[in-house]
Amino acid sequence: MYELKDKEMIFIFTGPNGAGRKTIAEMAGLTLNIKQVLSYTTRTRRQTEVEDEDYYFISRESFEKAQQQEEFIEVIEFDDNLYGIKSKDIETQLQSSGCIYLILNGEGADILKDLYSDKVIRIFIYADKDKLLARQQERGDSPELISRYMLNYEKEAAYRDECEHVYDNEDLSHTMYDITKTLEKYLDRSLQDLD
């Protein structure tokens, strides 16, 4: 396992599906020049998703082979699909940029927190059920998929108490402003606050 150096950090964006964690994570990454480490998954790519930008979409056979070779630092199964982060991807991104972010569910976030302790900062993004439902419908998720996501809402929402920071994504611009200020404290880059 890679040993994180003094200023290296891992930020994990988590929360219920549809809360905006991906949008916020990507915006924060661009704003603060933090690189993302993508997950590998066996699930089918959605119409709106892009290979090598959203996930690495691989066959179950390829995933299980990599798992047998102990390439993954974390693996979870959700809805009969496997998801995992490769150790070498974390190491490579940390060595090139010093700080990284991931978008994970609570189970994956806990695995990395257990491995890297205080070097992992979990940022929980949430929204109320009605907003989540509307966002999932807007992006074209099937009623069956939305139903499965909503079944997990209470469990995912309860994870907020485990996280270092919690944000209600009621208004994207305000949420982004608050998160950027929070992350900047960890990065210690002394950005000027013009507010």
C-alpha atoms as a PDB file:
ATOM      1  CA  MET A   1       0.000   0.000   0.000  1.00  0.00           C
ATOM      2  CA  TYR A   2       1.195   3.501  -0.863  1.00  0.00           C
ATOM      3  CA  GLU A   3       2.257   5.609   2.148  1.00  0.00           C
ATOM      4  CA  LEU A   4       0.940   9.155   1.840  1.00  0.00           C
ATOM      5  CA  LYS A   5       3.481  11.915   2.297  1.00  0.00           C
ATOM      6  CA  ASP A   6       3.032  14.883   4.620  1.00  0.00           C
ATOM      7  CA  LYS A   7       0.928  17.201   2.408  1.00  0.00           C
ATOM      8  CA  GLU A   8      -0.815  14.538   0.327  1.00  0.00           C
ATOM      9  CA  MET A   9      -4.579  14.341   0.851  1.00  0.00           C
ATOM     10  CA  ILE A  10      -7.498  12.269  -0.401  1.00  0.00           C
ATOM     11  CA  PHE A  11     -10.892  13.968  -0.625  1.00  0.00           C
ATOM     12  CA  ILE A  12     -13.911  11.702  -0.980  1.00  0.00           C
ATOM     13  CA  PHE A  13     -17.237  13.049  -2.206  1.00  0.00           C
ATOM     14  CA  THR A  14     -20.110  10.888  -1.059  1.00  0.00           C
ATOM     15  CA  GLY A  15     -23.848  11.040  -0.522  1.00  0.00           C
ATOM     16  CA  PRO A  16     -27.114   9.787  -1.987  1.00  0.00           C
ATOM     17  CA  ASN A  17     -27.319   9.212  -5.723  1.00  0.00           C
ATOM     18  CA  GLY A  18     -28.596  12.362  -7.427  1.00  0.00           C
ATOM     19  CA  ALA A  19     -27.425  14.777  -4.713  1.00  0.00           C
ATOM     20  CA  GLY A  20     -24.875  16.343  -7.069  1.00  0.00           C
ATOM     21  CA  ARG A  21     -21.707  14.838  -5.616  1.00  0.00           C
ATOM     22  CA  LYS A  22     -20.210  14.195  -9.084  1.00  0.00           C
ATOM     23  CA  THR A  23     -20.916  17.719 -10.356  1.00  0.00           C
ATOM     24  CA  ILE A  24     -19.556  19.311  -7.194  1.00  0.00           C
ATOM     25  CA  ALA A  25     -16.495  17.052  -7.078  1.00  0.00           C
ATOM     26  CA  GLU A  26     -15.611  17.841 -10.686  1.00  0.00           C
ATOM     27  CA  MET A  27     -16.088  21.585 -10.192  1.00  0.00           C
ATOM     28  CA  ALA A  28     -13.999  21.559  -7.006  1.00  0.00           C
ATOM     29  CA  GLY A  29     -11.323  19.514  -8.767  1.00  0.00           C
ATOM     30  CA  LEU A  30     -11.127  21.992 -11.638  1.00  0.00           C
ATOM     31  CA  THR A  31     -11.184  25.026  -9.355  1.00  0.00           C
ATOM     32  CA  LEU A  32      -8.452  23.734  -7.030  1.00  0.00           C
ATOM     33  CA  ASN A  33      -6.516  21.636  -9.551  1.00  0.00           C
ATOM     34  CA  ILE A  34      -7.162  18.355  -7.744  1.00  0.00           C
ATOM     35  CA  LYS A  35      -7.124  15.239  -9.924  1.00  0.00           C
ATOM     36  CA  GLN A  36      -9.776  12.537  -9.813  1.00  0.00           C
ATOM     37  CA  VAL A  37      -9.085   8.843  -9.424  1.00  0.00           C
ATOM     38  CA  LEU A  38     -11.747   6.918 -11.333  1.00  0.00           C
ATOM     39  CA  SER A  39     -13.426   3.712 -10.234  1.00  0.00           C
ATOM     40  CA  TYR A  40     -13.599   0.593 -12.352  1.00  0.00           C
ATOM     41  CA  THR A  41     -17.045  -0.971 -12.752  1.00  0.00           C
ATOM     42  CA  THR A  42     -18.721  -3.940 -14.354  1.00  0.00           C
ATOM     43  CA  ARG A  43     -22.016  -2.128 -14.822  1.00  0.00           C
ATOM     44  CA  THR A  44     -23.287  -1.016 -18.207  1.00  0.00           C
ATOM     45  CA  ARG A  45     -22.429   2.530 -19.249  1.00  0.00           C
ATOM     46  CA  ARG A  46     -25.359   4.955 -19.200  1.00  0.00           C
ATOM     47  CA  GLN A  47     -26.099   7.075 -22.265  1.00  0.00           C
ATOM     48  CA  THR A  48     -24.821  10.211 -20.553  1.00  0.00           C
ATOM     49  CA  GLU A  49     -21.578   8.619 -19.335  1.00  0.00           C
ATOM     50  CA  VAL A  50     -18.205   8.753 -21.051  1.00  0.00           C
ATOM     51  CA  GLU A  51     -15.611   5.979 -20.879  1.00  0.00           C
ATOM     52  CA  ASP A  52     -12.464   7.071 -18.979  1.00  0.00           C
ATOM     53  CA  GLU A  53     -14.249  10.187 -17.677  1.00  0.00           C
ATOM     54  CA  ASP A  54     -17.000   8.753 -15.487  1.00  0.00           C
ATOM     55  CA  TYR A  55     -15.697   5.222 -14.880  1.00  0.00           C
ATOM     56  CA  TYR A  56     -13.502   2.616 -16.448  1.00  0.00           C
ATOM     57  CA  PHE A  57     -16.133   0.203 -17.736  1.00  0.00           C
ATOM     58  CA  ILE A  58     -14.725  -3.327 -17.839  1.00  0.00           C
ATOM     59  CA  SER A  59     -16.098  -6.852 -18.050  1.00  0.00           C
ATOM     60  CA  ARG A  60     -16.757  -8.860 -14.910  1.00  0.00           C
ATOM     61  CA  GLU A  61     -14.082 -11.296 -16.066  1.00  0.00           C
ATOM     62  CA  SER A  62     -11.464  -8.512 -16.339  1.00  0.00           C
ATOM     63  CA  PHE A  63     -12.524  -7.085 -12.982  1.00  0.00           C
ATOM     64  CA  GLU A  64     -12.302 -10.438 -11.223  1.00  0.00           C
ATOM     65  CA  LYS A  65      -8.901 -11.144 -12.781  1.00  0.00           C
ATOM     66  CA  ALA A  66      -7.566  -7.798 -11.498  1.00  0.00           C
ATOM     67  CA  GLN A  67      -9.133  -8.546  -8.121  1.00  0.00           C
ATOM     68  CA  GLN A  68      -7.394 -11.928  -7.946  1.00  0.00           C
ATOM     69  CA  GLN A  69      -4.113 -10.164  -8.714  1.00  0.00           C
ATOM     70  CA  GLU A  70      -4.845  -7.803  -5.775  1.00  0.00           C
ATOM     71  CA  GLU A  71      -4.833  -4.672  -7.944  1.00  0.00           C
ATOM     72  CA  PHE A  72      -7.773  -3.077  -6.110  1.00  0.00           C
ATOM     73  CA  ILE A  73      -7.461  -1.162  -2.864  1.00  0.00           C
ATOM     74  CA  GLU A  74     -11.229  -1.328  -2.398  1.00  0.00           C
ATOM     75  CA  VAL A  75     -14.018  -3.359  -3.979  1.00  0.00           C
ATOM     76  CA  ILE A  76     -17.737  -3.161  -3.348  1.00  0.00           C
ATOM     77  CA  GLU A  77     -20.737  -4.775  -4.967  1.00  0.00           C
ATOM     78  CA  PHE A  78     -23.903  -2.783  -5.541  1.00  0.00           C
ATOM     79  CA  ASP A  79     -26.936  -3.894  -7.497  1.00  0.00           C
ATOM     80  CA  ASP A  80     -25.054  -6.966  -8.843  1.00  0.00           C
ATOM     81  CA  ASN A  81     -22.243  -4.777 -10.217  1.00  0.00           C
ATOM     82  CA  LEU A  82     -18.672  -4.579  -8.983  1.00  0.00           C
ATOM     83  CA  TYR A  83     -16.886  -1.281  -8.322  1.00  0.00           C
ATOM     84  CA  GLY A  84     -13.259  -0.814  -7.356  1.00  0.00           C
ATOM     85  CA  ILE A  85     -10.314   1.572  -7.097  1.00  0.00           C
ATOM     86  CA  LYS A  86      -6.868   0.395  -8.152  1.00  0.00           C
ATOM     87  CA  SER A  87      -3.967   1.017  -5.783  1.00  0.00           C
ATOM     88  CA  LYS A  88      -1.627   2.046  -8.600  1.00  0.00           C
ATOM     89  CA  ASP A  89      -4.100   4.729  -9.775  1.00  0.00           C
ATOM     90  CA  ILE A  90      -4.088   6.325  -6.320  1.00  0.00           C
ATOM     91  CA  GLU A  91      -0.313   6.176  -6.109  1.00  0.00           C
ATOM     92  CA  THR A  92       0.244   7.563  -9.620  1.00  0.00           C
ATOM     93  CA  GLN A  93      -2.148  10.503  -9.152  1.00  0.00           C
ATOM     94  CA  LEU A  94      -0.816  11.366  -5.696  1.00  0.00           C
ATOM     95  CA  GLN A  95       2.776  11.353  -6.933  1.00  0.00           C
ATOM     96  CA  SER A  96       1.903  13.632  -9.856  1.00  0.00           C
ATOM     97  CA  SER A  97      -0.439  16.076  -8.106  1.00  0.00           C
ATOM     98  CA  GLY A  98      -0.192  15.639  -4.318  1.00  0.00           C
ATOM     99  CA  CYS A  99      -3.947  15.627  -3.710  1.00  0.00           C
ATOM    100  CA  ILE A 100      -6.719  13.584  -5.269  1.00  0.00           C
ATOM    101  CA  TYR A 101     -10.457  13.174  -5.066  1.00  0.00           C
ATOM    102  CA  LEU A 102     -12.772  10.218  -5.500  1.00  0.00           C
ATOM    103  CA  ILE A 103     -16.525   9.850  -5.766  1.00  0.00           C
ATOM    104  CA  LEU A 104     -17.571   6.869  -3.656  1.00  0.00           C
ATOM    105  CA  ASN A 105     -20.458   5.526  -1.645  1.00  0.00           C
ATOM    106  CA  GLY A 106     -20.146   5.234   2.133  1.00  0.00           C
ATOM    107  CA  GLU A 107     -18.794   1.708   2.043  1.00  0.00           C
ATOM    108  CA  GLY A 108     -15.957   2.658  -0.310  1.00  0.00           C
ATOM    109  CA  ALA A 109     -15.269   5.844   1.668  1.00  0.00           C
ATOM    110  CA  ASP A 110     -14.938   3.819   4.881  1.00  0.00           C
ATOM    111  CA  ILE A 111     -12.425   1.461   3.279  1.00  0.00           C
ATOM    112  CA  LEU A 112     -10.149   4.358   2.285  1.00  0.00           C
ATOM    113  CA  LYS A 113     -10.665   6.092   5.648  1.00  0.00           C
ATOM    114  CA  ASP A 114      -9.587   2.909   7.440  1.00  0.00           C
ATOM    115  CA  LEU A 115      -6.493   2.658   5.234  1.00  0.00           C
ATOM    116  CA  TYR A 116      -5.369   6.299   5.263  1.00  0.00           C
ATOM    117  CA  SER A 117      -6.960   7.693   8.434  1.00  0.00           C
ATOM    118  CA  ASP A 118      -6.718  11.485   8.806  1.00  0.00           C
ATOM    119  CA  LYS A 119      -5.345  11.861   5.255  1.00  0.00           C
ATOM    120  CA  VAL A 120      -8.885  11.105   4.009  1.00  0.00           C
ATOM    121  CA  ILE A 121     -11.515  13.838   4.228  1.00  0.00           C
ATOM    122  CA  ARG A 122     -15.090  12.768   3.486  1.00  0.00           C
ATOM    123  CA  ILE A 123     -17.416  15.416   2.055  1.00  0.00           C
ATOM    124  CA  PHE A 124     -21.066  14.422   2.259  1.00  0.00           C
ATOM    125  CA  ILE A 125     -23.392  16.015  -0.294  1.00  0.00           C
ATOM    126  CA  TYR A 126     -27.126  15.619   0.145  1.00  0.00           C
ATOM    127  CA  ALA A 127     -30.479  16.939  -1.014  1.00  0.00           C
ATOM    128  CA  ASP A 128     -34.026  16.117   0.010  1.00  0.00           C
ATOM    129  CA  LYS A 129     -35.798  13.126  -1.525  1.00  0.00           C
ATOM    130  CA  ASP A 130     -37.926  15.188  -3.926  1.00  0.00           C
ATOM    131  CA  LYS A 131     -34.867  16.910  -5.404  1.00  0.00           C
ATOM    132  CA  LEU A 132     -33.044  13.597  -5.773  1.00  0.00           C
ATOM    133  CA  LEU A 133     -36.028  12.063  -7.522  1.00  0.00           C
ATOM    134  CA  ALA A 134     -36.298  15.010  -9.919  1.00  0.00           C
ATOM    135  CA  ARG A 135     -32.562  14.948 -10.719  1.00  0.00           C
ATOM    136  CA  GLN A 136     -32.607  11.205 -11.393  1.00  0.00           C
ATOM    137  CA  GLN A 137     -35.596  11.638 -13.717  1.00  0.00           C
ATOM    138  CA  GLU A 138     -33.919  14.584 -15.508  1.00  0.00           C
ATOM    139  CA  ARG A 139     -30.821  12.547 -16.287  1.00  0.00           C
ATOM    140  CA  GLY A 140     -32.973   9.788 -17.759  1.00  0.00           C
ATOM    141  CA  ASP A 141     -32.676   7.035 -15.152  1.00  0.00           C
ATOM    142  CA  SER A 142     -35.280   4.301 -15.574  1.00  0.00           C
ATOM    143  CA  PRO A 143     -38.113   4.072 -13.010  1.00  0.00           C
ATOM    144  CA  GLU A 144     -36.666   0.723 -11.866  1.00  0.00           C
ATOM    145  CA  LEU A 145     -33.219   2.221 -11.293  1.00  0.00           C
ATOM    146  CA  ILE A 146     -34.657   5.246  -9.491  1.00  0.00           C
ATOM    147  CA  SER A 147     -36.645   2.910  -7.252  1.00  0.00           C
ATOM    148  CA  ARG A 148     -33.476   0.982  -6.342  1.00  0.00           C
ATOM    149  CA  TYR A 149     -31.605   4.223  -5.601  1.00  0.00           C
ATOM    150  CA  MET A 150     -34.421   5.524  -3.426  1.00  0.00           C
ATOM    151  CA  LEU A 151     -34.505   2.263  -1.439  1.00  0.00           C
ATOM    152  CA  ASN A 152     -30.956   3.105  -0.304  1.00  0.00           C
ATOM    153  CA  TYR A 153     -31.679   6.757   0.499  1.00  0.00           C
ATOM    154  CA  GLU A 154     -32.099   6.370   4.282  1.00  0.00           C
ATOM    155  CA  LYS A 155     -28.956   4.244   4.619  1.00  0.00           C
ATOM    156  CA  GLU A 156     -26.932   6.659   2.482  1.00  0.00           C
ATOM    157  CA  ALA A 157     -28.348   9.705   4.306  1.00  0.00           C
ATOM    158  CA  ALA A 158     -27.383   8.222   7.696  1.00  0.00           C
ATOM    159  CA  TYR A 159     -23.740   8.113   6.591  1.00  0.00           C
ATOM    160  CA  ARG A 160     -23.549  11.898   6.898  1.00  0.00           C
ATOM    161  CA  ASP A 161     -22.798  11.523  10.622  1.00  0.00           C
ATOM    162  CA  GLU A 162     -19.553   9.692   9.755  1.00  0.00           C
ATOM    163  CA  CYS A 163     -18.219  12.414   7.454  1.00  0.00           C
ATOM    164  CA  GLU A 164     -15.935  15.313   8.280  1.00  0.00           C
ATOM    165  CA  HIS A 165     -18.031  17.823   6.298  1.00  0.00           C
ATOM    166  CA  VAL A 166     -21.710  17.845   5.316  1.00  0.00           C
ATOM    167  CA  TYR A 167     -23.363  20.090   2.711  1.00  0.00           C
ATOM    168  CA  ASP A 168     -26.986  20.448   1.661  1.00  0.00           C
ATOM    169  CA  ASN A 169     -26.816  20.983  -2.101  1.00  0.00           C
ATOM    170  CA  GLU A 170     -29.838  23.266  -2.231  1.00  0.00           C
ATOM    171  CA  ASP A 171     -28.035  25.826  -4.392  1.00  0.00           C
ATOM    172  CA  LEU A 172     -25.055  24.639  -6.433  1.00  0.00           C
ATOM    173  CA  SER A 173     -23.152  27.945  -6.466  1.00  0.00           C
ATOM    174  CA  HIS A 174     -23.392  28.383  -2.679  1.00  0.00           C
ATOM    175  CA  THR A 175     -22.451  24.763  -2.070  1.00  0.00           C
ATOM    176  CA  MET A 176     -19.438  25.090  -4.365  1.00  0.00           C
ATOM    177  CA  TYR A 177     -18.301  28.289  -2.667  1.00  0.00           C
ATOM    178  CA  ASP A 178     -18.494  26.686   0.799  1.00  0.00           C
ATOM    179  CA  ILE A 179     -16.751  23.486  -0.279  1.00  0.00           C
ATOM    180  CA  THR A 180     -13.975  25.344  -2.088  1.00  0.00           C
ATOM    181  CA  LYS A 181     -13.264  27.385   1.051  1.00  0.00           C
ATOM    182  CA  THR A 182     -13.226  24.214   3.165  1.00  0.00           C
ATOM    183  CA  LEU A 183     -10.873  22.331   0.844  1.00  0.00           C
ATOM    184  CA  GLU A 184      -8.577  25.332   0.583  1.00  0.00           C
ATOM    185  CA  LYS A 185      -7.960  25.116   4.344  1.00  0.00           C
ATOM    186  CA  TYR A 186      -6.647  21.581   3.901  1.00  0.00           C
ATOM    187  CA  LEU A 187      -4.588  22.528   0.856  1.00  0.00           C
ATOM    188  CA  ASP A 188      -3.172  25.648   2.530  1.00  0.00           C
ATOM    189  CA  ARG A 189      -2.715  27.496  -0.743  1.00  0.00           C
ATOM    190  CA  SER A 190      -3.818  30.886   0.597  1.00  0.00           C
ATOM    191  CA  LEU A 191      -6.406  31.782  -2.027  1.00  0.00           C
ATOM    192  CA  GLN A 192      -7.684  35.301  -1.602  1.00  0.00           C
ATOM    193  CA  ASP A 193     -11.283  35.600  -0.385  1.00  0.00           C
ATOM    194  CA  LEU A 194     -12.924  38.382  -2.403  1.00  0.00           C
ATOM    195  CA  ASP A 195     -16.254  38.174  -0.593  1.00  0.00           C
END
